[in-house]
Amino acid sequence: MTTTKQILTAALIAALTGFTACSKSNVDENEKVTITVTVSGMDAQTKSLDGTGAGTLNGETIRLDYTGGTSSGSTNFTIGTTILYWDELIAAHGNPPFNFSAFHPTISAAVHTSGFNVVTETNPDLLYASVSGINRSEKVNLVFDHIMHKLVINLTSNNSYYTAAQLNAATITLKNLKSTAAVSANGVVNLNNASGSDAYPTKTGTNNFFIVAPQTLTEGTDFLEVTVNGKTFVRKVCSEVTALESGKVLTLNLSVGRDQLTLDGQNVNQWGSQGTITEDLFPN
């Protein structure tokens, strides 16, 4: 009889132990805040993104902001490594639903006052994502958008006047562009409040792009300078393009001749076209 009771007792303990472990595992999973991230839009300077700029940020660190029923918080969150628990968020910031937002690369709150300096940042391609109304155990799906501007400049030779070697050695310099973007805490960029005069780096070759601060432009001012085989050409701001918009990419296709630089066309990818213009620009 004693042996039978011992066997039954051992079996009951084993069953209860197994049930407890299983329940604990489920509780842990439910308590974790599951965050998934993807990137949409144009090319970025972060890993795991494809040629269109879309992809993931696995292993990257983002600045994650969250607001519950009573207060807000913020943390640097590494995708795939950092773990947040619902119990901790609720205890510190009140009951769900929660609102989440994030920046990549991580930026301090001071940036919303001082601005985001595109020229001095190691990764100037600032991304922002937000999602609202997330309840406990629901996934936080963050889809990042690019909020700076991407300027693409392609050079070709008109009537083959310049050789491939000469074009490959051509330099492109941006002129009179502000270097610091005005970025709010909710990822909105104010074009009129761009500031700063740090010079964008000069680039060499026939196919280049610049990540620049979104900003308004003044018609008639020098916009970019192209130097090829010792001759310098200047393109001024025209009436068709008076702003470099947040989250958009502007492509300029420039044809370089003996005495002029022709804008064969321009377009804005993915978000719609700003039109096409043709003009002749002459060397200084």
Protein backbone atom coordinates (compact mmCIF):
# COMPACT_ATOMS: atom_id res chain seq x y z
CA MET A 1 0.00 0.00 0.00
CA THR A 2 2.79 2.36 0.94
CA THR A 3 4.54 1.66 -2.35
CA THR A 4 1.35 2.40 -4.27
CA LYS A 5 0.86 5.72 -2.42
CA GLN A 6 4.47 6.68 -3.09
CA ILE A 7 4.05 5.95 -6.79
CA LEU A 8 0.82 7.95 -6.97
CA THR A 9 2.39 10.83 -5.02
CA ALA A 10 5.43 10.89 -7.29
CA ALA A 11 3.21 10.84 -10.35
CA LEU A 12 1.10 13.70 -9.00
CA ILE A 13 4.20 15.79 -8.21
CA ALA A 14 5.58 15.14 -11.69
CA ALA A 15 2.28 16.14 -13.28
CA LEU A 16 2.02 19.32 -11.23
CA THR A 17 5.64 20.19 -11.95
CA GLY A 18 5.11 19.72 -15.64
CA PHE A 19 1.92 21.80 -15.57
CA THR A 20 3.66 24.61 -13.68
CA ALA A 21 6.60 24.75 -16.13
CA CYS A 22 4.26 24.84 -19.10
CA SER A 23 2.15 27.60 -17.53
CA LYS A 24 5.25 29.63 -16.64
CA SER A 25 6.48 29.40 -20.25
CA ASN A 26 3.13 30.66 -21.56
CA VAL A 27 3.09 33.52 -19.07
CA ASP A 28 6.60 34.58 -20.10
CA GLU A 29 5.61 34.64 -23.75
CA ASN A 30 2.49 36.66 -23.04
CA GLU A 31 4.42 39.15 -20.93
CA LYS A 32 6.98 39.94 -23.63
CA VAL A 33 6.35 42.93 -25.87
CA THR A 34 6.83 41.56 -29.39
CA ILE A 35 8.27 44.20 -31.71
CA THR A 36 8.75 43.69 -35.44
CA VAL A 37 10.37 46.25 -37.72
CA THR A 38 10.51 46.79 -41.47
CA VAL A 39 11.68 49.68 -43.63
CA SER A 40 9.88 51.16 -46.60
CA GLY A 41 10.98 53.78 -49.09
CA MET A 42 14.30 54.69 -50.58
CA ASP A 43 17.90 53.58 -50.05
CA ALA A 44 19.22 53.72 -46.51
CA GLN A 45 22.69 53.43 -45.08
CA THR A 46 21.84 50.61 -42.71
CA LYS A 47 22.36 46.89 -43.09
CA SER A 48 19.77 44.36 -44.23
CA LEU A 49 18.08 46.77 -46.66
CA ASP A 50 17.58 45.92 -50.32
CA GLY A 51 18.22 48.17 -53.34
CA THR A 52 14.94 50.03 -52.90
CA GLY A 53 15.70 50.91 -49.29
CA ALA A 54 13.18 48.39 -47.99
CA GLY A 55 14.11 45.60 -45.60
CA THR A 56 14.64 45.00 -41.91
CA LEU A 57 16.78 46.42 -39.13
CA ASN A 58 17.62 43.18 -37.35
CA GLY A 59 20.45 43.75 -34.89
CA GLU A 60 20.15 47.53 -35.15
CA THR A 61 19.40 49.78 -32.17
CA ILE A 62 16.43 52.15 -32.29
CA ARG A 63 15.17 54.80 -29.90
CA LEU A 64 11.82 53.40 -28.78
CA ASP A 65 9.25 55.72 -27.19
CA TYR A 66 6.02 54.48 -25.61
CA THR A 67 3.01 56.01 -23.87
CA GLY A 68 0.53 54.20 -21.65
CA GLY A 69 -2.53 55.30 -19.75
CA THR A 70 -0.66 57.57 -17.32
CA SER A 71 2.84 58.42 -18.58
CA SER A 72 5.52 57.98 -21.24
CA GLY A 73 8.92 56.32 -21.41
CA SER A 74 11.83 55.78 -23.74
CA THR A 75 14.66 53.28 -24.21
CA ASN A 76 17.36 52.31 -26.67
CA PHE A 77 16.04 49.02 -28.05
CA THR A 78 18.23 46.57 -29.99
CA ILE A 79 16.19 44.51 -32.44
CA GLY A 80 16.42 40.83 -31.57
CA THR A 81 18.25 41.40 -28.27
CA THR A 82 16.42 43.80 -25.96
CA ILE A 83 13.34 42.41 -24.16
CA LEU A 84 10.46 44.45 -22.74
CA TYR A 85 7.70 42.98 -20.59
CA TRP A 86 4.09 44.12 -20.53
CA ASP A 87 3.94 43.90 -16.73
CA GLU A 88 6.83 46.34 -16.42
CA LEU A 89 5.38 48.79 -18.95
CA ILE A 90 1.94 48.71 -17.32
CA ALA A 91 3.35 49.14 -13.82
CA ALA A 92 5.40 52.15 -14.88
CA HIS A 93 3.10 53.84 -17.40
CA GLY A 94 -0.47 52.69 -16.81
CA ASN A 95 -2.86 50.36 -18.55
CA PRO A 96 -3.00 49.72 -22.30
CA PRO A 97 -3.61 50.61 -25.01
CA PHE A 98 -0.06 51.86 -25.64
CA ASN A 99 1.29 54.08 -28.39
CA PHE A 100 4.77 53.30 -29.73
CA SER A 101 7.16 55.30 -31.92
CA ALA A 102 10.82 54.94 -32.86
CA PHE A 103 13.76 56.62 -34.57
CA HIS A 104 16.72 54.99 -36.30
CA PRO A 105 19.53 55.79 -35.79
CA THR A 106 19.01 56.54 -32.11
CA ILE A 107 18.75 60.27 -31.45
CA SER A 108 18.39 62.17 -28.21
CA ALA A 109 15.35 64.24 -27.34
CA ALA A 110 17.58 67.31 -27.67
CA VAL A 111 17.56 66.83 -31.45
CA HIS A 112 13.95 67.99 -31.53
CA THR A 113 15.21 71.37 -30.32
CA SER A 114 18.68 71.65 -31.87
CA GLY A 115 17.91 69.82 -35.12
CA PHE A 116 19.34 66.77 -36.93
CA ASN A 117 22.63 67.66 -38.64
CA VAL A 118 22.74 65.52 -41.76
CA VAL A 119 26.33 66.45 -42.58
CA THR A 120 27.88 65.47 -39.25
CA GLU A 121 25.78 62.37 -38.53
CA THR A 122 27.45 59.01 -39.14
CA ASN A 123 24.19 57.69 -40.55
CA PRO A 124 22.23 60.64 -41.98
CA ASP A 125 19.33 58.54 -43.28
CA LEU A 126 16.96 59.15 -40.38
CA LEU A 127 14.00 56.74 -40.14
CA TYR A 128 10.78 57.10 -38.16
CA ALA A 129 7.89 54.75 -37.33
CA SER A 130 4.82 54.91 -35.10
CA VAL A 131 1.82 52.76 -34.19
CA SER A 132 -1.07 53.46 -31.82
CA GLY A 133 -3.64 51.58 -29.77
CA ILE A 134 -1.62 48.46 -28.94
CA ASN A 135 -3.14 46.24 -26.26
CA ARG A 136 -1.37 43.69 -24.10
CA SER A 137 -0.05 40.67 -26.03
CA GLU A 138 -0.58 42.39 -29.41
CA LYS A 139 2.43 42.73 -31.71
CA VAL A 140 4.03 46.13 -32.15
CA ASN A 141 4.57 46.32 -35.92
CA LEU A 142 6.82 49.29 -36.69
CA VAL A 143 7.12 50.27 -40.36
CA PHE A 144 9.87 52.84 -40.76
CA ASP A 145 9.81 55.63 -43.32
CA HIS A 146 12.75 57.76 -44.46
CA ILE A 147 12.26 61.35 -43.34
CA MET A 148 15.32 63.04 -44.83
CA HIS A 149 15.62 63.82 -48.57
CA LYS A 150 17.64 61.87 -51.11
CA LEU A 151 19.12 63.76 -54.06
CA VAL A 152 20.39 61.61 -56.95
CA ILE A 153 22.63 63.14 -59.63
CA ASN A 154 23.55 61.27 -62.82
CA LEU A 155 26.06 62.65 -65.35
CA THR A 156 26.38 61.78 -69.03
CA SER A 157 28.37 63.34 -71.87
CA ASN A 158 26.52 65.28 -74.57
CA ASN A 159 27.56 63.96 -78.00
CA SER A 160 30.40 62.04 -76.29
CA TYR A 161 32.34 65.28 -75.84
CA TYR A 162 33.92 63.99 -72.61
CA THR A 163 35.54 60.59 -72.25
CA ALA A 164 34.39 58.03 -69.71
CA ALA A 165 37.56 58.69 -67.71
CA GLN A 166 36.88 62.43 -67.62
CA LEU A 167 33.29 61.89 -66.50
CA ASN A 168 34.35 59.42 -63.82
CA ALA A 169 36.69 62.09 -62.45
CA ALA A 170 33.97 64.78 -62.45
CA THR A 171 33.11 66.33 -59.09
CA ILE A 172 29.69 67.38 -57.79
CA THR A 173 29.34 69.98 -55.04
CA LEU A 174 26.06 71.07 -53.46
CA LYS A 175 25.70 74.81 -52.98
CA ASN A 176 23.72 76.89 -50.47
CA LEU A 177 21.92 73.94 -48.90
CA LYS A 178 21.15 73.94 -45.18
CA SER A 179 22.66 71.07 -43.23
CA THR A 180 20.32 70.65 -40.24
CA ALA A 181 16.77 69.34 -40.42
CA ALA A 182 14.03 70.44 -38.03
CA VAL A 183 12.56 67.15 -36.77
CA SER A 184 9.70 67.00 -34.27
CA ALA A 185 9.20 64.24 -31.71
CA ASN A 186 6.52 62.70 -33.93
CA GLY A 187 8.78 62.50 -36.97
CA VAL A 188 7.47 65.55 -38.82
CA VAL A 189 10.10 67.63 -40.64
CA ASN A 190 9.50 71.37 -40.99
CA LEU A 191 11.08 72.43 -44.29
CA ASN A 192 10.92 76.13 -43.43
CA ASN A 193 12.95 75.66 -40.24
CA ALA A 194 15.98 73.94 -41.76
CA SER A 195 19.20 75.60 -40.61
CA GLY A 196 22.98 75.26 -40.51
CA SER A 197 25.66 75.91 -43.09
CA ASP A 198 27.94 72.87 -42.78
CA ALA A 199 29.17 71.93 -46.25
CA TYR A 200 28.01 68.66 -47.77
CA PRO A 201 30.93 66.51 -48.94
CA THR A 202 31.91 66.79 -52.60
CA LYS A 203 31.41 63.56 -54.54
CA THR A 204 33.13 62.17 -57.61
CA GLY A 205 31.80 60.18 -60.55
CA THR A 206 28.81 59.86 -62.83
CA ASN A 207 26.25 58.37 -60.43
CA ASN A 208 25.96 59.84 -56.96
CA PHE A 209 23.41 60.49 -54.26
CA PHE A 210 23.28 62.79 -51.26
CA ILE A 211 21.14 62.49 -48.14
CA VAL A 212 20.20 66.10 -47.35
CA ALA A 213 18.06 68.01 -44.89
CA PRO A 214 14.52 68.60 -46.22
CA GLN A 215 14.18 72.32 -46.93
CA THR A 216 12.75 75.04 -49.09
CA LEU A 217 14.90 76.48 -51.91
CA THR A 218 15.23 80.03 -53.20
CA GLU A 219 14.70 80.36 -56.92
CA GLY A 220 17.72 81.71 -58.81
CA THR A 221 20.35 80.77 -56.22
CA ASP A 222 23.21 78.39 -57.02
CA PHE A 223 22.13 74.82 -56.31
CA LEU A 224 24.96 72.56 -57.43
CA GLU A 225 28.32 72.78 -59.12
CA VAL A 226 29.78 70.23 -61.55
CA THR A 227 33.44 70.31 -62.51
CA VAL A 228 34.61 68.11 -65.38
CA ASN A 229 37.99 68.20 -67.12
CA GLY A 230 38.82 71.54 -65.49
CA LYS A 231 35.54 73.25 -66.52
CA THR A 232 32.93 74.20 -63.92
CA PHE A 233 29.17 74.29 -64.53
CA VAL A 234 26.55 75.65 -62.13
CA ARG A 235 22.89 74.72 -61.85
CA LYS A 236 20.58 77.22 -60.18
CA VAL A 237 17.29 76.62 -58.41
CA CYS A 238 14.43 76.80 -60.94
CA SER A 239 10.75 77.49 -60.34
CA GLU A 240 9.74 73.86 -60.89
CA VAL A 241 11.61 72.63 -57.81
CA THR A 242 11.52 74.98 -54.84
CA ALA A 243 11.77 72.38 -52.06
CA LEU A 244 13.56 69.17 -51.16
CA GLU A 245 10.75 67.26 -49.50
CA SER A 246 10.89 64.91 -46.54
CA GLY A 247 10.93 61.22 -47.45
CA LYS A 248 11.28 61.82 -51.17
CA VAL A 249 14.00 61.19 -53.72
CA LEU A 250 14.72 63.69 -56.49
CA THR A 251 16.73 62.50 -59.50
CA LEU A 252 18.59 64.93 -61.76
CA ASN A 253 19.95 63.59 -65.06
CA LEU A 254 22.56 66.04 -66.29
CA SER A 255 24.17 65.97 -69.74
CA VAL A 256 27.54 67.72 -69.93
CA GLY A 257 28.64 69.29 -73.22
CA ARG A 258 31.52 71.50 -74.32
CA ASP A 259 29.93 74.75 -73.16
CA GLN A 260 26.78 73.81 -71.35
CA LEU A 261 25.20 71.45 -68.84
CA THR A 262 21.72 70.27 -69.89
CA LEU A 263 19.17 68.96 -67.45
CA ASP A 264 17.67 66.10 -69.49
CA GLY A 265 15.03 65.36 -66.89
CA GLN A 266 14.15 65.09 -63.26
CA ASN A 267 11.74 62.93 -61.37
CA VAL A 268 10.65 62.02 -57.89
CA ASN A 269 10.49 58.26 -57.29
CA GLN A 270 7.81 56.34 -55.40
CA TRP A 271 5.79 59.33 -54.16
CA GLY A 272 4.85 60.84 -57.55
CA SER A 273 6.51 63.10 -60.07
CA GLN A 274 7.35 66.78 -59.69
CA GLY A 275 7.58 67.06 -63.49
CA THR A 276 10.32 67.19 -66.09
CA ILE A 277 12.28 70.22 -67.24
CA THR A 278 15.09 70.89 -69.71
CA GLU A 279 17.52 73.76 -69.44
CA ASP A 280 21.00 74.80 -70.51
CA LEU A 281 23.60 75.76 -67.93
CA PHE A 282 26.87 77.38 -68.87
CA PRO A 283 30.32 77.25 -67.29
CA ASN A 284 31.52 80.00 -64.97
